[in-house]
Every structure is written in C-alpha cells, then in structure tokens.
Amino acid sequence: MTPTHTTTQIDQPPVAPRRQPEPSLRQKLLAPAVMFAVFWILAIVMWRATGAVFFLFNFGYIGTSVAAGMGLLAVLPRKKKHIGRRLTLFLVGGYMLGLLGLVGRENMQIEGFFLYLLAGFFAGATIHYAVAKVFGPLVFGRAWCGWACWTVMMLDLLPYSKSPGRLSHKWGWLRYAHFALSLGLVAALWFGFGYRVDIRNRLPDLYWLLVGNGLYYGVGIALAVTLRDNRAFCKYVCPITALLKLTSRFSLLKIRGKADACTDCGACAKQCPMDIRIPEYVKAGRRVLSTECILCETCINVCPARALSLSFGFDGGGRELLAQREERRHSGG
C-alpha cells in the first residue's frame, strides 16, 4: 500500500510596513511656495481690477504669513514644528482682529457678515468670510480653523492640546443653534427694529466686535478648562463651523495616508485635536474625509512612519469617524 503524503502550507511572515523616506528640502518647501504665489497673484489681480491698494496689502500679507508658517513647519524639528502654525495664527489672526477689527472698526463677527450682506456693504469682513469661510473651503477645507482663527490664536496657548475625546455627538448641535441664534438676532434687528449699518459711524461695529469676541474668548476658555480640551469651543459652540462644514466636505486639499506604510500605532489619532480616527480612513484607502479636520498637520508631524501627507484630489467628504471620551478612555488614549 502506497503511503500518501500531505503538504502543509507554511504561513508567510507579515510584510513589515515600509517607512517612507524623508522628503527633500525642495519637496518640503513646495507647498509654502505655491501658497505664497496663489495669494500674491490674487492680490495683484484684485489690486489691478479695483485700483484699491488695500487688496495688494491684504492678500499679500496673508499669503506671506501663511507661507512663512508653512515653511517653518516643514523645516523645523518635529518637536518645534508647532511654532510655524502658531506664528501664522498670530500674524493672520492678529491682523484680522487688531487692524481690520479694532483699528478699522469692522465687525468681524459672523453677525457683522450678515449685516454687511444685508446692507450690500463690500467690507473687509465680507471679503474675509467669502474667501476664508464660504468659497475658500472648497479648496483648502477648514484650514482657517487650524491656521488663522483669532479665537484659536488664544485658546491654543492653554495647556490642553491633547484632546481627551469628544462628548456625545448631540453636543455638536449647539454650534448650529448658535448659528441660528446669530442669524435670528440680525434678522430681528434689521427687519423688526430697523437697525442699519452706517459706514460714516463705525462705533457700533466696534461694539459688536468687542462684545461678541469677548464672549467667544470667555466661553472658549471656560470650556477648555472645564473639559480639558483647547478645541472644545470649536467642537461644540463655534457658529462658523456651520458654514465651514458645508463646503469643506468638497475640499480639494485633504490628508492622505499610505496604507502600506502605516504601522497602525495610533499616534495620529491620539494626538489629533479634533478626535478624528485617522487610521480607519488610511486602512480603507480613503483620504481623511471628516469635515472636522482643520489641516493643522499634527497627525503628519507625529507619524513615525511618515505615512501621512497633504494631497489634492476630488472626493466627497462628510464621513465622520470621531473618537468619543468613553472610547478614548477604554483604548487607553
């Protein structure tokens, strides 16, 4: 009787993720150079079209500030990369709040935007909201929140940069209620009480700005301390996100990850200030589609495998994969 021989399949060892090479200096500075060029082209076009030198200064200054911060973030050591984004926050946020708001007496709050629209007043605030918060996010998503917001400019100085996770998703509806309240207040004043914007007397606009921004800072700091989360105001209360989340889902600029390089260490998700479960997008072969992403690049900076990067592409966002507090607690994050 002939013996039969059976063969057993030997399991192959898992393929180790490939660590991505360090980008060259030229590659690192490409994005800041593009940003610098885009803003200065816009500045020159607007200046030549209108004859107003304000546009040359405004967009040129913002573009230079953003490019400078991005450049520093690209070349500084990992532990100091946050200095680049902080620099841009103070340069742009300080300019918007200080020069345009306090000195120029423009109401840079969302109520000012509504009032200027109703009045047909083409003010700096109108341009700002159109570029940074309505149409601009179609290209660069919620980069305003990560790089230029004057409220975050102060909140990021608090010591709670590592988020403990989100409260229940129902708390996120507070920001939509805040948006509706702001819009309703403007509508009541305009249509019910005959309130009007007077370009010859900008003092009321200054009062709007001082009171509104003071409330934002007060609530933002109180929430950060109570919830131990610098970004609590952004997640639960800020009314601007109602605009930003709408258009940023179609953003061309998003975070992309390489699944074959990802080690699934979870560093990106643990350090993400907006509690996005980034590895799940990477493993699914998708870009980070969450409209909560503020493009702060924290995930890129902390990834030990260099598996994450900024990328341009066409895809619809809105798939929210977010970590809540209980989930973070159980996972040890």
Protein backbone atom coordinates (compact mmCIF):
# COMPACT_ATOMS: atom_id res chain seq x y z
CA MET A 1 0.00 0.00 0.00
CA THR A 2 1.50 3.28 -1.13
CA PRO A 3 1.69 5.88 1.62
CA THR A 4 0.09 9.20 0.91
CA HIS A 5 1.96 12.40 1.53
CA THR A 6 0.23 15.59 2.62
CA THR A 7 1.71 19.03 2.42
CA THR A 8 1.02 21.80 4.87
CA GLN A 9 1.10 25.43 3.90
CA ILE A 10 3.55 27.44 5.93
CA ASP A 11 2.24 30.85 6.89
CA GLN A 12 4.27 33.60 5.38
CA PRO A 13 5.57 36.23 7.81
CA PRO A 14 3.65 39.50 7.60
CA VAL A 15 5.17 42.14 5.42
CA ALA A 16 6.51 44.98 7.52
CA PRO A 17 5.16 48.43 6.63
CA ARG A 18 7.55 50.44 4.50
CA ARG A 19 8.86 53.56 6.20
CA GLN A 20 8.63 56.49 3.80
CA PRO A 21 11.84 58.38 3.00
CA GLU A 22 12.44 61.87 4.32
CA PRO A 23 11.28 64.44 1.72
CA SER A 24 13.92 66.71 0.23
CA LEU A 25 14.09 70.38 1.20
CA ARG A 26 12.66 71.28 -2.20
CA GLN A 27 9.68 68.98 -1.67
CA LYS A 28 9.10 70.41 1.81
CA LEU A 29 9.03 73.99 0.58
CA LEU A 30 6.86 73.34 -2.48
CA ALA A 31 3.52 73.80 -0.67
CA PRO A 32 4.57 77.08 1.06
CA ALA A 33 5.84 78.40 -2.28
CA VAL A 34 2.56 77.54 -4.02
CA MET A 35 0.55 79.19 -1.25
CA PHE A 36 2.72 82.31 -1.45
CA ALA A 37 2.29 82.51 -5.24
CA VAL A 38 -1.50 81.96 -5.16
CA PHE A 39 -2.13 84.72 -2.63
CA TRP A 40 0.16 87.21 -4.36
CA ILE A 41 -1.44 86.51 -7.74
CA LEU A 42 -4.84 87.11 -6.14
CA ALA A 43 -3.52 90.30 -4.50
CA ILE A 44 -2.21 91.70 -7.78
CA VAL A 45 -5.32 90.76 -9.77
CA MET A 46 -7.66 92.36 -7.20
CA TRP A 47 -5.48 95.47 -6.97
CA ARG A 48 -5.35 95.94 -10.74
CA ALA A 49 -9.06 95.23 -11.16
CA THR A 50 -10.22 97.66 -8.46
CA GLY A 51 -7.36 100.14 -8.13
CA ALA A 52 -7.51 99.65 -4.35
CA VAL A 53 -4.06 99.11 -2.84
CA PHE A 54 -5.80 97.52 0.16
CA PHE A 55 -6.15 94.26 -1.76
CA LEU A 56 -2.46 94.21 -2.58
CA PHE A 57 -1.55 94.58 1.08
CA ASN A 58 -4.33 92.38 2.47
CA PHE A 59 -3.83 89.26 0.35
CA GLY A 60 -0.09 89.78 0.05
CA TYR A 61 0.29 89.98 3.82
CA ILE A 62 -1.91 86.94 4.45
CA GLY A 63 -0.16 84.87 1.78
CA THR A 64 3.27 85.76 3.13
CA SER A 65 2.19 84.95 6.70
CA VAL A 66 0.73 81.58 5.74
CA ALA A 67 3.75 80.67 3.60
CA ALA A 68 6.14 81.64 6.40
CA GLY A 69 4.34 79.42 8.90
CA MET A 70 4.11 76.50 6.48
CA GLY A 71 7.78 76.86 5.66
CA LEU A 72 8.79 76.77 9.31
CA LEU A 73 6.55 73.77 9.94
CA ALA A 74 8.24 72.00 7.04
CA VAL A 75 11.85 72.56 8.09
CA LEU A 76 11.81 72.71 11.89
CA PRO A 77 12.49 69.60 14.02
CA ARG A 78 9.42 67.56 14.93
CA LYS A 79 9.08 68.92 18.49
CA LYS A 80 9.21 72.51 17.27
CA LYS A 81 7.01 72.27 14.19
CA HIS A 82 4.04 73.73 16.05
CA ILE A 83 5.89 77.07 16.09
CA GLY A 84 5.17 77.52 12.38
CA ARG A 85 1.42 77.20 12.74
CA ARG A 86 1.39 79.33 15.90
CA LEU A 87 3.28 82.06 14.04
CA THR A 88 0.70 82.14 11.27
CA LEU A 89 -2.13 82.15 13.81
CA PHE A 90 -0.77 85.30 15.43
CA LEU A 91 0.21 87.01 12.18
CA VAL A 92 -3.14 86.46 10.43
CA GLY A 93 -5.44 86.34 13.47
CA GLY A 94 -3.79 89.41 14.97
CA TYR A 95 -4.12 91.30 11.68
CA MET A 96 -7.80 90.41 11.29
CA LEU A 97 -8.76 91.19 14.84
CA GLY A 98 -6.37 94.06 15.50
CA LEU A 99 -6.01 96.03 12.29
CA LEU A 100 -9.26 95.28 10.45
CA GLY A 101 -11.40 94.92 13.57
CA LEU A 102 -10.18 97.19 16.35
CA VAL A 103 -8.38 99.83 14.27
CA GLY A 104 -10.59 99.68 11.16
CA ARG A 105 -13.73 99.28 13.33
CA GLU A 106 -15.18 96.47 11.26
CA ASN A 107 -17.44 93.90 12.86
CA MET A 108 -15.52 90.72 12.05
CA GLN A 109 -18.01 88.54 13.94
CA ILE A 110 -20.47 86.45 11.97
CA GLU A 111 -23.24 88.93 12.79
CA GLY A 112 -21.20 91.62 11.03
CA PHE A 113 -21.00 89.45 7.93
CA PHE A 114 -24.79 89.06 7.92
CA LEU A 115 -25.33 92.80 8.45
CA TYR A 116 -22.90 93.80 5.70
CA LEU A 117 -24.59 91.39 3.28
CA LEU A 118 -27.99 92.89 4.04
CA ALA A 119 -26.59 96.39 3.59
CA GLY A 120 -24.77 95.49 0.38
CA PHE A 121 -21.62 96.76 2.05
CA PHE A 122 -18.44 95.36 0.42
CA ALA A 123 -16.29 95.47 3.55
CA GLY A 124 -13.15 93.65 4.64
CA ALA A 125 -15.31 91.31 6.72
CA THR A 126 -17.38 90.43 3.64
CA ILE A 127 -14.25 89.55 1.67
CA HIS A 128 -12.85 87.61 4.61
CA TYR A 129 -15.91 85.41 5.05
CA ALA A 130 -16.25 84.80 1.31
CA VAL A 131 -12.60 83.74 0.93
CA ALA A 132 -11.90 82.00 4.24
CA LYS A 133 -15.26 80.55 5.25
CA VAL A 134 -17.63 80.17 2.30
CA PHE A 135 -15.85 79.54 -1.02
CA GLY A 136 -12.24 79.05 0.07
CA PRO A 137 -13.00 75.81 1.97
CA LEU A 138 -13.88 74.23 -1.39
CA VAL A 139 -10.11 74.28 -1.96
CA PHE A 140 -8.43 74.24 1.47
CA GLY A 141 -11.14 72.90 3.78
CA ARG A 142 -11.11 74.13 7.35
CA ALA A 143 -7.54 75.39 7.24
CA TRP A 144 -8.86 78.68 8.66
CA CYS A 145 -9.59 76.90 11.95
CA GLY A 146 -6.11 75.46 12.15
CA TRP A 147 -4.02 78.34 10.87
CA ALA A 148 -5.71 81.74 11.15
CA CYS A 149 -8.61 81.92 13.64
CA TRP A 150 -8.08 84.69 16.21
CA THR A 151 -10.13 82.81 18.79
CA VAL A 152 -7.93 79.73 18.44
CA MET A 153 -4.92 82.05 18.47
CA MET A 154 -5.56 82.47 22.20
CA LEU A 155 -7.11 79.08 23.02
CA ASP A 156 -4.09 77.21 21.66
CA LEU A 157 -1.97 78.84 24.36
CA LEU A 158 -3.85 76.85 27.00
CA PRO A 159 -2.28 73.59 28.21
CA TYR A 160 -4.96 71.18 26.95
CA SER A 161 -3.74 70.48 23.41
CA LYS A 162 -4.20 66.71 23.65
CA SER A 163 -7.91 66.05 23.48
CA PRO A 164 -9.48 63.56 25.92
CA GLY A 165 -12.13 62.75 23.30
CA ARG A 166 -15.49 64.20 22.36
CA LEU A 167 -18.64 64.46 24.33
CA SER A 168 -21.69 62.77 22.86
CA HIS A 169 -22.33 63.88 19.28
CA LYS A 170 -25.54 65.62 20.34
CA TRP A 171 -23.47 68.40 21.92
CA GLY A 172 -22.21 69.31 18.45
CA TRP A 173 -25.67 70.65 17.63
CA LEU A 174 -25.01 73.59 19.93
CA ARG A 175 -22.98 75.27 17.19
CA TYR A 176 -25.90 75.06 14.77
CA ALA A 177 -28.16 76.54 17.43
CA HIS A 178 -25.58 79.32 17.90
CA PHE A 179 -25.55 79.96 14.14
CA ALA A 180 -29.36 80.14 14.06
CA LEU A 181 -29.34 82.47 17.07
CA SER A 182 -26.84 84.83 15.43
CA LEU A 183 -28.78 84.86 12.17
CA GLY A 184 -32.08 85.32 14.02
CA LEU A 185 -30.69 88.23 16.06
CA VAL A 186 -29.54 90.03 12.92
CA ALA A 187 -32.87 89.38 11.17
CA ALA A 188 -34.83 90.68 14.17
CA LEU A 189 -32.73 93.85 14.41
CA TRP A 190 -32.80 94.51 10.67
CA PHE A 191 -36.40 93.68 9.79
CA GLY A 192 -38.07 94.21 13.18
CA PHE A 193 -36.28 97.23 14.62
CA GLY A 194 -34.89 98.93 11.52
CA TYR A 195 -31.24 98.63 12.56
CA ARG A 196 -28.85 99.69 9.79
CA VAL A 197 -25.10 99.72 9.21
CA ASP A 198 -23.75 103.26 8.89
CA ILE A 199 -20.37 103.48 7.15
CA ARG A 200 -19.96 107.04 8.50
CA ASN A 201 -20.24 105.87 12.09
CA ARG A 202 -18.32 102.67 12.72
CA LEU A 203 -18.51 102.81 16.52
CA PRO A 204 -21.47 100.36 16.73
CA ASP A 205 -19.46 97.90 14.62
CA LEU A 206 -16.61 98.16 17.11
CA TYR A 207 -19.00 97.46 20.00
CA TRP A 208 -20.32 94.38 18.17
CA LEU A 209 -16.78 93.12 17.78
CA LEU A 210 -15.70 93.80 21.36
CA VAL A 211 -18.77 92.23 22.96
CA GLY A 212 -19.01 89.28 20.57
CA ASN A 213 -15.34 88.41 20.62
CA GLY A 214 -15.20 88.89 24.38
CA LEU A 215 -17.98 86.33 24.75
CA TYR A 216 -16.16 83.92 22.42
CA TYR A 217 -12.96 84.16 24.46
CA GLY A 218 -14.82 83.81 27.75
CA VAL A 219 -16.83 80.77 26.69
CA GLY A 220 -13.86 79.22 24.87
CA ILE A 221 -11.53 79.47 27.86
CA ALA A 222 -14.21 78.24 30.28
CA LEU A 223 -14.94 75.20 28.10
CA ALA A 224 -11.25 74.44 27.62
CA VAL A 225 -10.58 74.46 31.35
CA THR A 226 -13.74 72.54 32.23
CA LEU A 227 -13.37 69.86 29.56
CA ARG A 228 -9.55 69.96 29.46
CA ASP A 229 -9.69 70.48 25.72
CA ASN A 230 -8.38 73.56 23.89
CA ARG A 231 -10.68 72.86 20.95
CA ALA A 232 -13.91 72.41 22.90
CA PHE A 233 -15.24 75.75 21.61
CA CYS A 234 -14.64 74.64 18.01
CA LYS A 235 -16.35 71.28 18.55
CA TYR A 236 -19.47 72.38 20.38
CA VAL A 237 -20.14 76.12 20.18
CA CYS A 238 -18.49 77.96 17.27
CA PRO A 239 -21.18 79.05 14.75
CA ILE A 240 -18.67 79.45 11.91
CA THR A 241 -18.42 75.67 11.58
CA ALA A 242 -21.98 75.64 10.20
CA LEU A 243 -20.56 77.36 7.11
CA LEU A 244 -17.21 75.61 7.05
CA LYS A 245 -18.53 72.05 7.36
CA LEU A 246 -20.92 72.61 4.47
CA THR A 247 -18.31 73.47 1.84
CA SER A 248 -15.21 71.76 3.27
CA ARG A 249 -16.67 68.32 2.54
CA PHE A 250 -15.82 69.06 -1.13
CA SER A 251 -12.33 70.35 -0.32
CA LEU A 252 -9.59 69.53 -2.79
CA LEU A 253 -6.95 69.61 -0.05
CA LYS A 254 -7.13 66.76 2.47
CA ILE A 255 -4.86 64.46 4.47
CA ARG A 256 -3.90 61.25 2.70
CA GLY A 257 -2.29 58.17 4.23
CA LYS A 258 -0.38 55.28 2.67
CA ALA A 259 -1.80 52.02 3.99
CA ASP A 260 1.35 50.06 3.15
CA ALA A 261 3.42 52.44 5.30
CA CYS A 262 1.01 52.72 8.24
CA THR A 263 2.07 50.72 11.30
CA ASP A 264 -1.32 51.25 12.98
CA CYS A 265 0.45 52.69 16.05
CA GLY A 266 -2.43 55.13 16.59
CA ALA A 267 -0.17 58.13 17.25
CA CYS A 268 -2.07 60.29 14.76
CA ALA A 269 -5.48 59.59 16.33
CA LYS A 270 -4.19 60.08 19.89
CA GLN A 271 -2.69 63.47 19.08
CA CYS A 272 -5.45 64.76 16.76
CA PRO A 273 -7.01 67.81 18.49
CA MET A 274 -10.32 67.16 16.69
CA ASP A 275 -10.58 63.46 17.69
CA ILE A 276 -10.58 62.05 14.16
CA ARG A 277 -9.97 58.30 13.84
CA ILE A 278 -7.41 58.78 11.11
CA PRO A 279 -6.12 55.16 10.82
CA GLU A 280 -9.57 53.98 9.78
CA TYR A 281 -9.51 56.23 6.72
CA VAL A 282 -5.96 55.12 5.89
CA LYS A 283 -6.74 51.41 6.16
CA ALA A 284 -9.83 51.91 3.98
CA GLY A 285 -7.70 53.57 1.30
CA ARG A 286 -9.55 56.85 1.67
CA ARG A 287 -8.37 60.35 2.38
CA VAL A 288 -9.41 61.86 5.72
CA LEU A 289 -12.98 62.77 4.79
CA SER A 290 -14.08 64.21 8.11
CA THR A 291 -15.25 67.82 7.95
CA GLU A 292 -13.82 68.19 11.44
CA CYS A 293 -10.27 68.13 10.03
CA ILE A 294 -8.62 71.54 10.45
CA LEU A 295 -5.46 70.66 8.50
CA CYS A 296 -3.27 71.51 11.48
CA GLU A 297 -0.89 68.74 10.29
CA THR A 298 -0.41 67.41 13.83
CA CYS A 299 -1.06 63.90 12.53
CA ILE A 300 1.56 64.29 9.81
CA ASN A 301 4.14 65.54 12.29
CA VAL A 302 3.68 62.75 14.85
CA CYS A 303 3.52 59.83 12.42
CA PRO A 304 6.74 57.83 12.98
CA ALA A 305 6.42 56.10 9.59
CA ARG A 306 5.83 59.32 7.61
CA ALA A 307 2.72 57.66 6.18
CA LEU A 308 0.59 60.83 6.12
CA SER A 309 0.76 63.87 3.87
CA LEU A 310 -1.31 66.66 2.35
CA SER A 311 -2.80 65.88 -1.03
CA PHE A 312 -5.08 67.34 -3.69
CA GLY A 313 -7.92 65.31 -5.12
CA PHE A 314 -11.62 65.08 -5.91
CA ASP A 315 -13.74 63.19 -3.40
CA GLY A 316 -16.76 63.91 -1.28
CA GLY A 317 -16.21 64.28 2.43
CA GLY A 318 -18.54 64.11 5.38
CA ARG A 319 -17.77 60.60 6.60
CA GLU A 320 -17.27 61.41 10.28
CA LEU A 321 -15.18 58.89 12.19
CA LEU A 322 -14.70 60.55 15.57
CA ALA A 323 -13.50 59.26 18.92
CA GLN A 324 -15.68 59.96 21.94
CA ARG A 325 -14.46 60.19 25.52
CA GLU A 326 -15.56 56.75 26.61
CA GLU A 327 -13.90 55.21 23.57
CA ARG A 328 -10.64 57.05 24.30
CA ARG A 329 -10.75 56.00 27.95
CA HIS A 330 -11.22 52.34 27.13
CA SER A 331 -8.48 52.36 24.49
CA GLY A 332 -6.00 53.99 26.85
CA GLY A 333 -5.61 57.07 24.59
